[in-house]
Amino acid sequence: MPQPKILIVDDDANSRAVLCDVLSGEPYILLEAANGQHALELAHNEPPDLILLDIMMPGMDGLGVLHKLKKQEKTRPIPVIMVTALNLDSQVSVCLDGGAVDHIGKPFSSMVVRSRVRAALRSRALAAGDKLLDAMQGEVLGFIGVKGGVGTTTVVVNVGENVT
């Protein structure tokens, strides 16, 4: 199964490095772009499965990149999560109305980033009907519910990787 490809776009090298570090333990191929133009080139030439996009960048800002991605047929289906320090409700609304699937505010929780990335990739896989979802999920091998002591319930879920 192919590994999901994620494009991280931020003009700040430290911010890109932090996001790469957060996602490094996951089964992803990580690409990086330091500006909007490079992001558009990568998205067109090596279409990722997801883009993490900063808003505040010199030259073409993240909203400009988002607008151009959503105008092009080849890049329109790529989900975009905006990652930014701009956390006003009005700014989040502009991002979502512009076509972003989610918004992550800086500073962020590593756990939240990983969860939102997985959710965006699952949604894309379901919408596309492709095999990406299979690569991301394990297989439930068993589910057992047992009633324990007074008022106590124990549930065990055994999950293994789907090996093909």
Protein backbone atom coordinates (compact mmCIF):
# COMPACT_ATOMS: atom_id res chain seq x y z
CA MET A 1 0.00 0.00 0.00
CA PRO A 2 1.30 3.49 -0.78
CA GLN A 3 2.23 5.75 2.09
CA PRO A 4 0.25 9.00 2.28
CA LYS A 5 2.25 11.99 1.08
CA ILE A 6 1.99 15.22 3.11
CA LEU A 7 3.24 18.62 1.96
CA ILE A 8 4.24 20.99 4.77
CA VAL A 9 4.31 24.64 3.70
CA ASP A 10 5.77 27.32 5.96
CA ASP A 11 8.34 30.05 5.37
CA ASP A 12 9.83 29.40 8.81
CA ALA A 13 12.27 26.44 8.73
CA ASN A 14 11.80 25.82 12.46
CA SER A 15 8.02 25.52 12.07
CA ARG A 16 8.46 23.04 9.21
CA ALA A 17 10.96 21.06 11.30
CA VAL A 18 8.55 20.89 14.25
CA LEU A 19 5.70 19.59 12.06
CA CYS A 20 8.05 17.07 10.42
CA ASP A 21 9.12 15.93 13.88
CA VAL A 22 5.50 15.60 15.05
CA LEU A 23 4.63 13.46 12.01
CA SER A 24 7.90 11.53 11.73
CA GLY A 25 6.63 8.53 13.71
CA GLU A 26 3.68 8.10 11.34
CA PRO A 27 3.78 6.21 8.02
CA TYR A 28 3.93 9.33 5.84
CA ILE A 29 6.17 10.67 3.13
CA LEU A 30 6.85 14.29 4.12
CA LEU A 31 7.56 17.02 1.55
CA GLU A 32 8.46 20.60 2.43
CA ALA A 33 8.04 23.97 0.76
CA ALA A 34 9.32 27.29 2.11
CA ASN A 35 7.01 29.52 0.05
CA GLY A 36 3.72 29.56 -1.79
CA GLN A 37 5.14 29.27 -5.31
CA HIS A 38 7.21 26.19 -4.41
CA ALA A 39 4.14 24.69 -2.72
CA LEU A 40 2.06 25.12 -5.89
CA GLU A 41 4.81 23.55 -8.01
CA LEU A 42 5.10 20.53 -5.68
CA ALA A 43 1.31 20.16 -5.48
CA HIS A 44 1.11 20.12 -9.27
CA ASN A 45 4.16 17.91 -9.98
CA GLU A 46 3.98 15.53 -6.99
CA PRO A 47 0.38 15.78 -5.78
CA PRO A 48 0.28 15.12 -2.04
CA ASP A 49 -2.57 13.46 -0.18
CA LEU A 50 -2.71 16.40 2.27
CA ILE A 51 -1.23 19.88 2.63
CA LEU A 52 -0.42 21.59 5.94
CA LEU A 53 -0.32 25.27 5.01
CA ASP A 54 0.78 28.32 6.99
CA ILE A 55 -1.13 31.54 6.32
CA MET A 56 1.46 34.22 7.08
CA MET A 57 4.19 33.94 4.45
CA PRO A 58 5.97 36.65 2.46
CA GLY A 59 5.05 36.96 -1.19
CA MET A 60 2.10 34.68 -1.77
CA ASP A 61 0.42 34.03 1.58
CA GLY A 62 -1.34 30.79 2.52
CA LEU A 63 -4.78 32.08 1.57
CA GLY A 64 -3.46 32.93 -1.90
CA VAL A 65 -2.00 29.43 -2.19
CA LEU A 66 -5.28 27.89 -1.01
CA HIS A 67 -7.22 29.94 -3.58
CA LYS A 68 -4.93 28.80 -6.43
CA LEU A 69 -5.04 25.16 -5.29
CA LYS A 70 -8.83 25.17 -5.30
CA LYS A 71 -9.01 26.81 -8.76
CA GLN A 72 -6.96 24.08 -10.47
CA GLU A 73 -8.70 20.82 -11.34
CA LYS A 74 -5.60 18.73 -10.56
CA THR A 75 -5.08 20.17 -7.06
CA ARG A 76 -8.70 20.93 -6.07
CA PRO A 77 -9.30 17.55 -4.35
CA ILE A 78 -6.20 17.82 -2.14
CA PRO A 79 -7.33 18.54 1.43
CA VAL A 80 -5.64 21.51 3.07
CA ILE A 81 -5.27 22.11 6.79
CA MET A 82 -4.31 25.68 7.66
CA VAL A 83 -1.70 25.85 10.43
CA THR A 84 -1.36 29.36 11.78
CA ALA A 85 -1.09 31.67 14.74
CA LEU A 86 -4.13 33.55 13.41
CA ASN A 87 -6.83 32.07 15.61
CA LEU A 88 -9.62 34.64 15.38
CA ASP A 89 -12.99 33.12 14.52
CA SER A 90 -13.19 35.37 11.46
CA GLN A 91 -9.82 34.12 10.18
CA VAL A 92 -10.73 30.47 10.79
CA SER A 93 -13.98 31.09 8.91
CA VAL A 94 -12.11 32.62 5.95
CA CYS A 95 -9.86 29.52 5.79
CA LEU A 96 -12.74 27.06 5.92
CA ASP A 97 -14.90 29.05 3.50
CA GLY A 98 -11.90 29.22 1.15
CA GLY A 99 -11.75 25.45 0.90
CA ALA A 100 -9.56 24.32 3.81
CA VAL A 101 -10.81 21.19 5.58
CA ASP A 102 -9.47 22.20 8.98
CA HIS A 103 -7.52 24.78 10.96
CA ILE A 104 -4.83 24.15 13.56
CA GLY A 105 -3.78 27.08 15.72
CA LYS A 106 -0.20 27.71 16.81
CA PRO A 107 1.05 26.78 19.30
CA PHE A 108 -0.39 23.33 18.75
CA SER A 109 -0.55 19.98 20.49
CA SER A 110 1.36 17.18 18.74
CA MET A 111 -1.50 14.80 19.51
CA VAL A 112 -4.04 17.17 17.93
CA VAL A 113 -1.93 17.59 14.79
CA ARG A 114 -1.55 13.83 14.32
CA SER A 115 -5.28 13.24 14.95
CA ARG A 116 -6.42 15.94 12.55
CA VAL A 117 -4.01 14.75 9.88
CA ARG A 118 -5.33 11.19 10.21
CA ALA A 119 -8.93 12.46 10.09
CA ALA A 120 -8.28 14.53 6.94
CA LEU A 121 -6.56 11.59 5.24
CA ARG A 122 -9.44 9.24 6.17
CA SER A 123 -11.99 11.71 4.79
CA ARG A 124 -10.05 12.07 1.55
CA ALA A 125 -9.71 8.30 1.17
CA LEU A 126 -13.43 7.77 1.76
CA ALA A 127 -14.36 10.53 -0.70
CA ALA A 128 -11.95 9.23 -3.34
CA GLY A 129 -12.84 5.59 -2.73
CA ASP A 130 -9.17 4.69 -3.04
CA LYS A 131 -6.90 2.28 -1.18
CA LEU A 132 -5.31 4.98 1.02
CA LEU A 133 -7.76 4.14 3.81
CA ASP A 134 -6.64 0.51 3.83
CA ALA A 135 -3.04 1.59 4.32
CA MET A 136 -4.02 3.68 7.33
CA GLN A 137 -6.17 1.22 9.25
CA GLY A 138 -5.62 -1.98 11.16
CA GLU A 139 -7.96 -4.93 11.20
CA VAL A 140 -10.10 -5.74 14.22
CA LEU A 141 -9.28 -9.31 15.18
CA GLY A 142 -11.58 -9.61 18.14
CA PHE A 143 -13.91 -7.70 20.40
CA ILE A 144 -14.79 -9.00 23.84
CA GLY A 145 -16.98 -7.41 26.52
CA VAL A 146 -16.93 -8.84 30.02
CA LYS A 147 -18.87 -7.74 33.08
CA GLY A 148 -16.47 -7.37 35.99
CA GLY A 149 -17.18 -6.54 39.63
CA VAL A 150 -20.01 -4.33 40.83
CA GLY A 151 -20.45 -1.52 38.33
CA THR A 152 -17.25 -2.37 36.47
CA THR A 153 -17.13 -3.31 32.79
CA THR A 154 -13.98 -4.43 31.02
CA VAL A 155 -13.71 -4.19 27.24
CA VAL A 156 -10.81 -5.58 25.25
CA VAL A 157 -10.15 -4.70 21.61
CA ASN A 158 -7.44 -6.55 19.76
CA VAL A 159 -6.22 -4.64 16.70
CA GLY A 160 -3.56 -5.87 14.28
CA GLU A 161 -2.07 -4.41 11.12
CA ASN A 162 -3.61 -5.27 7.79
CA VAL A 163 -0.80 -7.14 6.01
CA THR A 164 -1.12 -7.81 2.30
